[in-house]
Amino acid sequence: MAIHVNRFVVGADAQNRSAVVQHGLTNVQSREGFYWSATLWATAECPVDNTIAADRSQTPGLGASLQPLPNGLLCRALEIPPGAGFPMHHTDTLDCLTCVRGEIYLVTDTDEVRMQPGDTVIIRGVNHAWSNRSSEPCLLVGTNTDATPLGNS
């Protein structure tokens, strides 16, 4: 799967001026014909601590995980090729995903909707699935934020 995505991290330089302090993707994962994913950023605390210089998206094993670190957030790009998708699942997260390119069907227990570029979904820790029924790849970009599981409030 060929995809070109840049990630630029803007932070403070040695003189405390804003600057591009990192360039490049971390934790790129793929399975041919199934998906391509890059973890763009990850945190392990809420509220986020911008004084921590380390990019937690480089944490071993985090890139393959659907879950952020406890009290954390994942920012991810996910490409699903034509004819592929993810089966019904749920995570203990609040997800905010925007379709950037292509189209994808979001499937729930009772509904399905076709998402196109610019469409955004908020998933609040419930069952959902993805199905790319088009002839083009679909690129989703968004966040997964650790959340209290349903039934544990």
Foldseek 3Di string as FASTA:
>chain_A
DDDDDKAWDWAQDPVGDTDRPDIDFELWDDDPQAKTKTFRAKAQAPVGDRVDPDGCSNPPPQSVDPAGHHNMKTKMKMKGAAFYKFDKDFDQWWKKKFWQQAWKWKDFPPDIDIHHHPDIDIDHGHIIMIGRNDNGMIMMTIMTGHHDHPPRD
